[in-house]
Protein backbone atom coordinates (compact mmCIF):
# COMPACT_ATOMS: atom_id res chain seq x y z
CA MET A 1 0.00 0.00 0.00
CA ARG A 2 1.39 3.40 -1.06
CA VAL A 3 0.99 6.32 1.31
CA LEU A 4 1.63 10.00 0.55
CA LEU A 5 2.32 12.33 3.49
CA VAL A 6 1.94 16.03 2.73
CA VAL A 7 4.16 18.75 4.27
CA TYR A 8 2.30 21.99 3.62
CA ASP A 9 3.87 25.38 2.90
CA ASN A 10 3.36 27.81 5.79
CA ASP A 11 4.42 30.79 3.64
CA ALA A 12 7.89 30.95 5.18
CA TYR A 13 11.14 31.16 3.23
CA MET A 14 12.58 28.39 5.41
CA HIS A 15 10.62 25.77 7.33
CA SER A 16 11.21 23.72 10.44
CA PHE A 17 11.68 20.00 9.99
CA PRO A 18 8.21 18.31 10.27
CA LEU A 19 9.00 16.03 13.19
CA GLY A 20 5.46 14.73 13.71
CA LEU A 21 5.09 13.62 10.11
CA ALA A 22 8.58 12.12 10.11
CA TYR A 23 7.72 9.96 13.13
CA ILE A 24 4.52 8.81 11.39
CA ALA A 25 6.53 7.97 8.26
CA SER A 26 9.04 5.94 10.27
CA TRP A 27 6.32 3.91 11.98
CA LEU A 28 4.60 3.25 8.66
CA ILE A 29 7.83 2.07 7.05
CA ASP A 30 8.46 -0.31 9.94
CA ALA A 31 4.95 -1.69 9.37
CA GLY A 32 5.77 -2.42 5.73
CA TYR A 33 4.10 0.52 4.00
CA ASP A 34 5.58 2.35 1.02
CA VAL A 35 5.82 6.01 2.09
CA GLU A 36 6.47 9.10 -0.02
CA ILE A 37 6.72 12.73 1.09
CA TYR A 38 5.16 15.65 -0.80
CA ASN A 39 7.26 18.72 0.09
CA GLN A 40 5.11 21.72 -0.70
CA ASP A 41 7.11 23.61 1.94
CA MET A 42 10.47 23.46 0.19
CA TYR A 43 9.20 23.93 -3.37
CA HIS A 44 6.35 26.38 -2.65
CA TYR A 45 4.03 24.55 -5.03
CA PRO A 46 0.61 26.15 -5.54
CA ASP A 47 -2.06 24.16 -3.72
CA ASP A 48 -3.61 22.79 -6.91
CA HIS A 49 -0.24 21.23 -7.79
CA LEU A 50 -1.16 18.50 -5.30
CA ARG A 51 -4.21 17.60 -7.42
CA THR A 52 -2.02 17.26 -10.51
CA PHE A 53 0.50 15.20 -8.55
CA LEU A 54 -2.23 12.81 -7.38
CA ASP A 55 -3.64 12.63 -10.92
CA ASN A 56 -0.25 11.46 -12.18
CA ASN A 57 0.70 9.20 -9.27
CA LYS A 58 -1.38 6.42 -7.70
CA PHE A 59 -1.54 6.31 -3.90
CA ASP A 60 -3.80 4.31 -1.63
CA ALA A 61 -3.85 6.91 1.13
CA VAL A 62 -2.86 10.54 1.63
CA GLY A 63 -2.28 12.17 5.02
CA LEU A 64 -2.00 15.70 6.39
CA GLY A 65 -1.20 16.77 9.95
CA PHE A 66 -1.64 20.27 11.38
CA VAL A 67 -2.06 22.27 14.58
CA GLY A 68 -4.84 24.72 15.41
CA GLY A 69 -4.39 28.08 13.72
CA TYR A 70 -6.09 30.40 11.26
CA TYR A 71 -3.40 29.94 8.58
CA GLN A 72 -3.24 26.17 8.98
CA TYR A 73 -7.03 25.89 8.79
CA ARG A 74 -7.28 27.84 5.54
CA LYS A 75 -4.25 26.13 4.03
CA VAL A 76 -5.61 22.65 4.73
CA LEU A 77 -9.03 23.68 3.40
CA SER A 78 -7.37 24.61 0.12
CA LEU A 79 -5.23 21.47 -0.02
CA SER A 80 -8.30 19.37 0.80
CA LYS A 81 -10.06 20.78 -2.25
CA ALA A 82 -7.06 19.76 -4.38
CA ILE A 83 -7.09 16.23 -2.92
CA ASN A 84 -10.84 15.81 -3.30
CA ARG A 85 -10.78 16.97 -6.94
CA SER A 86 -8.03 14.56 -7.98
CA LYS A 87 -8.95 11.82 -10.45
CA ASN A 88 -7.15 9.18 -8.37
CA ARG A 89 -8.36 10.47 -4.99
CA PRO A 90 -6.85 8.24 -2.30
CA PHE A 91 -8.28 7.56 1.14
CA TYR A 92 -7.84 10.94 2.84
CA MET A 93 -6.83 11.15 6.52
CA ILE A 94 -5.96 14.16 8.67
CA GLY A 95 -4.48 14.39 12.15
CA GLY A 96 -2.72 16.51 14.75
CA HIS A 97 -3.78 18.99 17.42
CA GLY A 98 -5.88 20.90 14.87
CA PRO A 99 -8.63 18.36 14.07
CA THR A 100 -8.35 16.18 17.21
CA PRO A 101 -10.60 18.25 19.55
CA GLU A 102 -13.44 18.59 17.01
CA PRO A 103 -13.06 15.72 14.52
CA GLU A 104 -16.63 15.83 13.16
CA PHE A 105 -16.29 19.48 12.14
CA PHE A 106 -13.01 18.84 10.34
CA ILE A 107 -14.21 15.69 8.55
CA ARG A 108 -17.20 17.55 7.16
CA LYS A 109 -15.27 20.72 6.34
CA MET A 110 -12.27 19.03 4.71
CA GLN A 111 -14.34 16.16 3.24
CA ALA A 112 -11.76 13.82 4.75
CA ASP A 113 -12.40 10.13 5.25
CA ALA A 114 -10.92 9.94 8.75
CA VAL A 115 -9.27 11.88 11.56
CA VAL A 116 -6.40 10.28 13.45
CA MET A 117 -6.95 11.65 16.95
CA GLY A 118 -4.05 12.38 19.29
CA GLU A 119 -0.77 10.48 19.07
CA GLY A 120 -0.74 9.05 15.58
CA GLU A 121 1.93 6.40 15.12
CA VAL A 122 0.03 3.29 16.22
CA THR A 123 -3.37 4.56 15.12
CA VAL A 124 -2.42 5.37 11.53
CA VAL A 125 -0.97 1.88 11.03
CA LYS A 126 -4.07 0.24 12.52
CA LEU A 127 -6.25 2.41 10.27
CA LEU A 128 -4.37 1.43 7.11
CA ASP A 129 -4.27 -2.22 8.21
CA ALA A 130 -8.06 -2.12 8.53
CA LEU A 131 -8.39 -0.60 5.05
CA GLY A 132 -6.09 -3.21 3.55
CA GLY A 133 -7.83 -6.08 5.32
CA LYS A 134 -11.29 -4.62 4.74
CA LYS A 135 -11.97 -4.60 8.49
CA PRO A 136 -14.64 -2.26 9.80
CA LEU A 137 -13.26 1.14 10.82
CA LYS A 138 -15.41 1.06 13.94
CA GLU A 139 -12.88 -1.42 15.37
CA VAL A 140 -9.94 1.02 15.07
CA MET A 141 -9.32 2.92 18.30
CA GLY A 142 -8.26 6.54 18.02
CA ILE A 143 -10.05 7.54 14.83
CA ALA A 144 -13.15 9.38 13.73
CA PHE A 145 -14.47 8.44 10.31
CA CYS A 146 -17.20 9.15 7.83
CA ASP A 147 -19.88 6.45 7.58
CA GLY A 148 -22.28 7.64 4.90
CA ASP A 149 -23.84 10.86 6.18
CA LYS A 150 -22.77 10.14 9.75
CA VAL A 151 -19.43 10.80 11.48
CA VAL A 152 -18.45 8.08 13.95
CA ILE A 153 -16.00 8.97 16.74
CA ASN A 154 -14.28 5.91 18.19
CA GLU A 155 -12.74 5.50 21.62
CA ARG A 156 -9.35 7.21 22.01
CA ARG A 157 -6.24 5.03 21.82
CA PRO A 158 -3.97 4.83 24.89
CA LEU A 159 -0.67 6.65 24.55
CA ILE A 160 2.56 4.83 23.76
CA GLU A 161 3.98 4.18 27.23
CA ASN A 162 7.65 3.74 26.37
CA ILE A 163 8.50 6.33 23.74
CA ASN A 164 12.03 4.92 23.46
CA ASP A 165 10.33 2.16 21.43
CA ILE A 166 9.37 4.67 18.73
CA PRO A 167 11.87 4.49 15.85
CA LEU A 168 13.77 7.62 14.90
CA PRO A 169 12.08 9.97 12.42
CA ALA A 170 12.46 8.88 8.79
CA TYR A 171 15.05 11.55 8.06
CA HIS A 172 16.12 9.84 4.83
CA LEU A 173 12.77 10.64 3.19
CA PHE A 174 13.16 14.40 3.66
CA PRO A 175 15.39 17.08 2.05
CA MET A 176 17.68 17.48 5.06
CA GLU A 177 20.00 19.89 3.22
CA TYR A 178 17.05 22.29 3.14
CA TYR A 179 15.76 21.89 6.69
CA ARG A 180 19.17 22.16 8.34
CA LEU A 181 19.58 25.73 7.01
CA LEU A 182 16.92 27.12 9.38
CA ARG A 183 18.32 29.85 11.67
CA LYS A 184 17.77 29.82 15.41
CA PRO A 185 18.76 32.33 18.15
CA ASN A 186 22.52 32.59 18.66
CA ALA A 187 23.32 30.25 15.77
CA ALA A 188 26.59 30.93 13.97
CA ALA A 189 26.67 31.28 10.20
CA LYS A 190 28.20 27.81 9.89
CA ASP A 191 25.72 26.04 12.18
CA PHE A 192 23.29 23.51 10.78
CA THR A 193 20.08 23.24 12.79
CA MET A 194 17.59 20.43 13.40
CA ASN A 195 14.51 19.86 15.59
CA ILE A 196 14.54 16.98 18.03
CA LEU A 197 12.28 15.71 20.84
CA SER A 198 13.34 14.90 24.39
CA GLY A 199 9.88 13.74 25.42
CA ARG A 200 6.16 14.09 24.89
CA GLY A 201 3.59 15.90 26.97
CA CYS A 202 3.62 18.34 29.88
CA ASN A 203 2.54 18.12 33.52
CA PHE A 204 1.32 21.72 33.71
CA LYS A 205 -2.28 22.83 33.08
CA CYS A 206 -2.22 26.30 31.49
CA ASN A 207 -5.81 27.20 30.56
CA PHE A 208 -4.99 28.40 27.03
CA CYS A 209 -3.11 25.24 25.98
CA TYR A 210 -4.84 22.96 23.46
CA ARG A 211 -2.56 19.98 24.10
CA MET A 212 -4.89 16.97 24.28
CA ASP A 213 -2.68 14.24 25.74
CA GLU A 214 -2.39 13.94 29.51
CA GLY A 215 0.86 13.49 31.40
CA LEU A 216 4.52 13.41 30.48
CA ARG A 217 6.65 10.72 28.85
CA ILE A 218 10.40 11.18 28.69
CA ARG A 219 12.97 9.64 26.36
CA SER A 220 16.06 8.20 27.99
CA ASN A 221 19.22 10.31 27.93
CA GLU A 222 20.97 7.55 26.02
CA HIS A 223 18.27 7.51 23.35
CA ILE A 224 18.44 11.29 22.91
CA ILE A 225 22.24 11.38 22.74
CA ASP A 226 22.30 8.52 20.22
CA GLU A 227 19.99 10.53 17.95
CA ILE A 228 22.14 13.65 18.35
CA LYS A 229 25.23 11.65 17.37
CA PHE A 230 23.38 10.19 14.39
CA LEU A 231 22.36 13.63 13.15
CA GLN A 232 25.88 14.95 13.69
CA SER A 233 27.35 12.07 11.71
CA GLU A 234 24.81 11.89 8.88
CA TYR A 235 23.89 15.54 8.36
CA ASP A 236 26.55 17.63 10.18
CA ILE A 237 23.96 19.07 12.58
CA SER A 238 25.59 21.32 15.18
CA TYR A 239 22.56 23.13 16.68
CA PHE A 240 19.63 21.20 18.14
CA ALA A 241 16.22 22.74 18.82
CA PHE A 242 14.28 20.64 21.32
CA ALA A 243 10.75 21.07 20.00
CA ASP A 244 8.75 19.29 22.70
CA GLU A 245 6.45 21.17 25.05
CA LEU A 246 9.00 21.15 27.86
CA LEU A 247 12.49 19.70 28.30
CA MET A 248 12.91 21.45 31.68
CA THR A 249 10.33 19.23 33.39
CA SER A 250 12.24 19.20 36.69
CA ILE A 251 15.61 20.25 38.05
CA GLU A 252 16.68 16.61 38.44
CA ARG A 253 15.75 15.62 34.90
CA THR A 254 17.45 18.68 33.39
CA GLU A 255 20.63 18.10 35.42
CA SER A 256 20.69 14.48 34.29
CA ILE A 257 20.47 15.18 30.55
CA CYS A 258 22.98 18.04 30.79
CA ASN A 259 25.51 15.94 32.67
CA ASP A 260 25.19 13.14 30.11
CA MET A 261 25.57 15.62 27.23
CA ILE A 262 28.77 16.93 28.80
CA LYS A 263 30.13 13.40 29.36
CA ALA A 264 29.38 12.56 25.72
CA LYS A 265 31.47 15.58 24.59
CA LEU A 266 28.94 16.43 21.90
CA GLY A 267 30.19 19.97 21.28
CA ILE A 268 26.74 21.23 20.25
CA LYS A 269 24.50 24.25 20.74
CA TRP A 270 20.89 23.74 21.70
CA LEU A 271 17.68 25.41 22.78
CA CYS A 272 14.55 24.22 24.53
CA SER A 273 11.40 25.36 26.30
CA GLY A 274 12.01 26.10 29.96
CA ARG A 275 10.15 26.63 33.23
CA LEU A 276 11.08 29.69 35.27
CA ASN A 277 10.37 28.00 38.59
CA TYR A 278 13.27 25.64 37.77
CA ALA A 279 15.56 28.41 36.46
CA LYS A 280 18.09 28.28 39.31
CA PRO A 281 21.61 29.71 38.85
CA SER A 282 23.41 26.39 39.36
CA LEU A 283 21.16 24.57 36.87
CA LEU A 284 21.44 27.32 34.26
CA THR A 285 25.24 27.32 34.57
CA LEU A 286 25.19 23.57 33.94
CA MET A 287 22.87 24.01 30.95
CA ALA A 288 25.18 26.62 29.44
CA LYS A 289 28.14 24.27 29.94
CA ALA A 290 26.20 21.55 28.10
CA GLY A 291 25.66 23.90 25.14
CA CYS A 292 22.31 25.59 25.84
CA VAL A 293 22.26 29.05 24.21
CA TYR A 294 18.53 29.90 24.31
CA LEU A 295 15.60 29.11 26.61
CA SER A 296 12.03 29.83 25.50
CA TYR A 297 9.94 30.73 28.53
CA GLY A 298 6.17 30.87 28.66
CA ILE A 299 5.83 33.99 30.80
CA GLU A 300 2.42 35.04 29.43
CA CYS A 301 1.77 37.93 31.84
CA ILE A 302 3.46 40.05 34.51
CA ASP A 303 0.59 40.08 36.99
CA ASP A 304 0.13 37.58 39.81
CA GLN A 305 -3.66 37.41 39.68
CA VAL A 306 -3.76 36.91 35.91
CA LEU A 307 -1.06 34.23 36.18
CA LYS A 308 -3.24 32.50 38.76
CA ASN A 309 -6.26 32.75 36.44
CA MET A 310 -4.16 31.13 33.70
CA LYS A 311 -3.07 28.30 36.04
CA LYS A 312 0.54 29.06 35.10
CA GLY A 313 2.04 27.96 38.42
CA LEU A 314 4.28 31.05 38.39
CA THR A 315 4.53 34.40 40.16
CA THR A 316 6.06 37.65 38.92
CA LYS A 317 8.83 37.29 41.51
CA ILE A 318 9.74 33.82 40.23
CA ILE A 319 9.67 35.12 36.64
CA ALA A 320 12.02 38.05 37.32
CA LYS A 321 14.49 35.95 39.30
CA GLY A 322 14.53 33.27 36.61
CA ILE A 323 15.11 35.72 33.77
CA GLU A 324 17.93 37.45 35.64
CA ALA A 325 19.57 34.10 36.41
CA THR A 326 19.23 33.05 32.74
CA LEU A 327 20.91 36.22 31.49
CA ALA A 328 23.64 35.90 34.13
CA ALA A 329 24.38 32.36 32.89
CA GLY A 330 24.94 33.70 29.36
CA ILE A 331 21.77 32.10 27.95
CA SER A 332 19.32 34.19 25.90
CA PRO A 333 15.78 34.01 27.27
CA GLY A 334 12.75 33.88 25.01
CA PHE A 335 9.97 36.07 26.44
CA ASN A 336 6.54 34.82 25.42
CA ILE A 337 3.88 37.25 26.63
CA ILE A 338 0.25 37.35 25.52
CA PHE A 339 -2.54 39.81 26.28
CA GLY A 340 -6.26 39.43 26.82
CA SER A 341 -6.57 36.64 29.37
CA ILE A 342 -9.24 36.67 32.06
CA GLY A 343 -8.65 39.68 34.34
CA GLU A 344 -6.27 41.56 32.01
CA THR A 345 -6.26 45.37 31.80
CA ARG A 346 -4.15 48.12 30.24
CA GLU A 347 -2.14 48.08 33.46
CA THR A 348 -1.27 44.36 33.22
CA LEU A 349 -0.29 44.88 29.57
CA ASN A 350 1.96 47.80 30.51
CA LYS A 351 3.69 45.64 33.12
CA GLY A 352 4.55 43.18 30.35
CA VAL A 353 5.91 45.92 28.10
CA GLU A 354 8.05 47.37 30.89
CA PHE A 355 9.37 43.89 31.67
CA LEU A 356 10.34 43.21 28.05
CA ILE A 357 12.10 46.57 27.74
CA LYS A 358 13.95 46.09 31.04
CA TYR A 359 15.37 42.72 29.99
CA GLU A 360 15.91 43.47 26.27
CA ASP A 361 19.07 41.70 25.07
CA GLY A 362 18.75 42.36 21.34
CA VAL A 363 18.48 38.71 20.28
CA GLU A 364 14.90 38.95 19.01
CA LEU A 365 12.18 41.45 18.26
CA ARG A 366 9.64 40.71 20.99
CA THR A 367 6.02 41.72 20.57
CA ILE A 368 2.77 40.77 22.30
CA ARG A 369 -0.13 38.89 20.74
CA PRO A 370 -3.73 38.42 21.90
CA VAL A 371 -4.53 35.23 23.76
CA THR A 372 -6.45 32.76 21.56
CA PRO A 373 -8.90 30.16 22.95
CA TYR A 374 -7.99 27.29 20.60
CA PRO A 375 -10.42 24.36 20.40
CA GLY A 376 -9.44 21.77 22.98
CA SER A 377 -8.20 24.30 25.53
CA PRO A 378 -10.07 25.07 28.78
CA LEU A 379 -10.27 28.68 27.59
CA TYR A 380 -12.20 27.56 24.49
CA TYR A 381 -14.88 25.89 26.59
CA TYR A 382 -14.94 28.90 28.93
CA ALA A 383 -15.59 31.20 25.97
CA ILE A 384 -18.43 28.96 24.77
CA ASP A 385 -19.93 28.80 28.29
CA LYS A 386 -19.84 32.62 28.53
CA GLY A 387 -21.53 33.04 25.15
CA LEU A 388 -18.44 34.63 23.59
CA LEU A 389 -18.01 31.81 21.09
CA LYS A 390 -20.59 29.49 19.57
CA ASP A 391 -18.59 26.47 18.43
CA CYS A 392 -15.61 25.29 16.38
CA GLU A 393 -17.06 26.60 13.12
CA ASP A 394 -17.64 30.02 14.67
CA PHE A 395 -14.03 30.01 15.86
CA TYR A 396 -12.42 29.12 12.53
CA GLU A 397 -14.86 30.75 10.13
CA ASN A 398 -15.68 33.99 11.96
CA LYS A 399 -13.42 34.69 14.93
CA HIS A 400 -9.88 33.42 14.38
CA ILE A 401 -8.83 35.27 11.24
CA ASN A 402 -5.28 36.19 12.30
CA SER A 403 -3.09 35.39 15.32
CA ASP A 404 -2.39 39.09 15.92
CA LEU A 405 -6.09 39.99 15.98
CA LEU A 406 -8.75 39.21 18.58
CA SER A 407 -10.58 35.92 18.34
CA VAL A 408 -12.50 36.37 21.58
CA ASN A 409 -12.33 39.37 23.89
CA LEU A 410 -12.10 38.02 27.44
CA THR A 411 -11.37 41.43 29.01
CA GLU A 412 -13.56 44.31 30.17
CA LEU A 413 -12.10 46.53 27.41
CA SER A 414 -14.05 47.20 24.23
CA ASP A 415 -12.51 45.76 21.07
CA GLU A 416 -11.41 49.25 20.03
CA GLU A 417 -9.79 49.88 23.43
CA PHE A 418 -8.13 46.48 23.28
CA TYR A 419 -6.57 47.14 19.88
CA GLN A 420 -5.43 50.63 20.85
CA ALA A 421 -3.71 49.27 23.97
CA LEU A 422 -1.99 46.50 21.99
CA SER A 423 -1.00 48.92 19.25
CA ASP A 424 0.61 51.28 21.77
CA ALA A 425 2.41 48.38 23.45
CA ASN A 426 3.87 46.91 20.26
CA LYS A 427 4.90 50.32 18.94
CA ARG A 428 6.90 50.86 22.14
CA LEU A 429 8.52 47.43 21.89
CA THR A 430 9.37 47.80 18.20
CA LYS A 431 10.83 51.29 18.63
CA ASN A 432 12.92 50.10 21.57
CA TYR A 433 14.28 47.10 19.63
CA PHE A 434 15.25 49.03 16.51
CA MET A 435 16.63 51.97 18.48
CA ASN A 436 18.96 49.54 20.25
CA LYS A 437 19.91 47.98 16.91
CA MET A 438 20.60 51.42 15.45
CA ASN A 439 22.82 52.34 18.42
CA ILE A 440 24.77 49.10 17.99
CA ALA A 441 25.23 49.81 14.27
CA LEU A 442 26.38 53.38 14.94
CA ASP A 443 28.82 52.11 17.56
CA GLU A 444 30.24 49.64 15.01
CA ILE A 445 30.78 52.48 12.54
CA GLU A 446 32.56 54.54 15.18
CA LYS A 447 34.87 51.64 16.10
CA LEU A 448 35.50 50.83 12.42
CA TYR A 449 37.07 54.21 11.70
CA SER A 450 38.36 55.36 15.11
CA GLU A 451 39.94 52.01 16.02
CA LYS A 452 40.60 50.81 12.43
CA ASN A 453 38.62 47.62 13.13
CA ALA A 454 39.95 45.16 10.54
CA THR A 455 37.45 42.47 11.60
CA PHE A 456 34.53 44.49 10.18
CA ARG A 457 32.77 42.57 7.40
CA GLY A 458 30.71 45.26 5.72
CA PHE A 459 27.41 47.02 6.24
CA ARG A 460 25.02 44.09 6.15
CA GLN A 461 21.52 43.45 7.38
């Protein structure tokens, strides 16, 4: 059975390696399926090119995975039309965090045959096995499927307990020379970058998160380091971006992986998502020694009551201490702040702006986006309960038209007041960032001519 997995173009010049799809591909190959990748991302094919490709190539199944988002929704709608118009239309399956919370809506909207809900490796193989053996789809756990005019939603499949048993992503099927060129914070010009996972899941319960799977499953240090060595050897990867929800799941776990990285003498740079309540000076020093150059922190807000409303498990004091310790360790912090959560005001937004300006280190332009109640998140169901949102169709068709615009206003501000406050905030942040960049550039010019700086490499962006 031939299976085509589609990597869609997200309108970026360079794209991140599609880890989720690569894990699915690997599992399918191990199960004996013939897998091919359609790289719309690298080649920027128009959406209808997929219809032509399917017309000229026979596949038994085609699969697309995506997360919740206005762009992803509209992109997959367009690609679905191409798939459904093809002369040799294969069995069409979709999966990922996007369709999992509301599979019936997505099956009807995309005219897909099935949704693979949640973790997909085992489920997609069982689904294709059922198709090949002509078994009823109602016996396949973890899927929703179209049965005539009715959508049937089966029982969810249990998660894979030991994720060390999952084979490495099928890197060989993908254009690695393309993906490794992606730039990340503090990467040198000669660094090649690749995404990697240290585990799956998260033990925290932030109310805006649409992650559907409960709990946390961690790969062994040995398994992670073996994959790093493989990617170093096969593709000259020198910078690793841990793309899971949270590598810094505890102080003990983070110390353990860092110590084993140091013992392995990997000589790499890496980044990950971090937790500020674990951002202690001694741990951060160890992380820097192991090669960590950037930590992405979910700060979200600089107000204790709003943080409590979000169920962040953080306080403003913990946040400030953690950021200061991160900077002192020589690691660049990523400041993720959103606006519009329950209890937010102009004053809470201003606290976030002041915080970002205070700790500006010039590594990134940092702006603030509205909070979005994605389907599957507690905030989504809160918005429905309060009459601010009708359902999934209302969210995707009417409300969520851009990630920098309001989907649902959860504050006491009018929409106009909300936008004015966010406009003022992001103007301040943008001016501050580029003013600092201009001062750095002017200082370089001064040193070039006053100190005859022979290391200067030209006026470049």
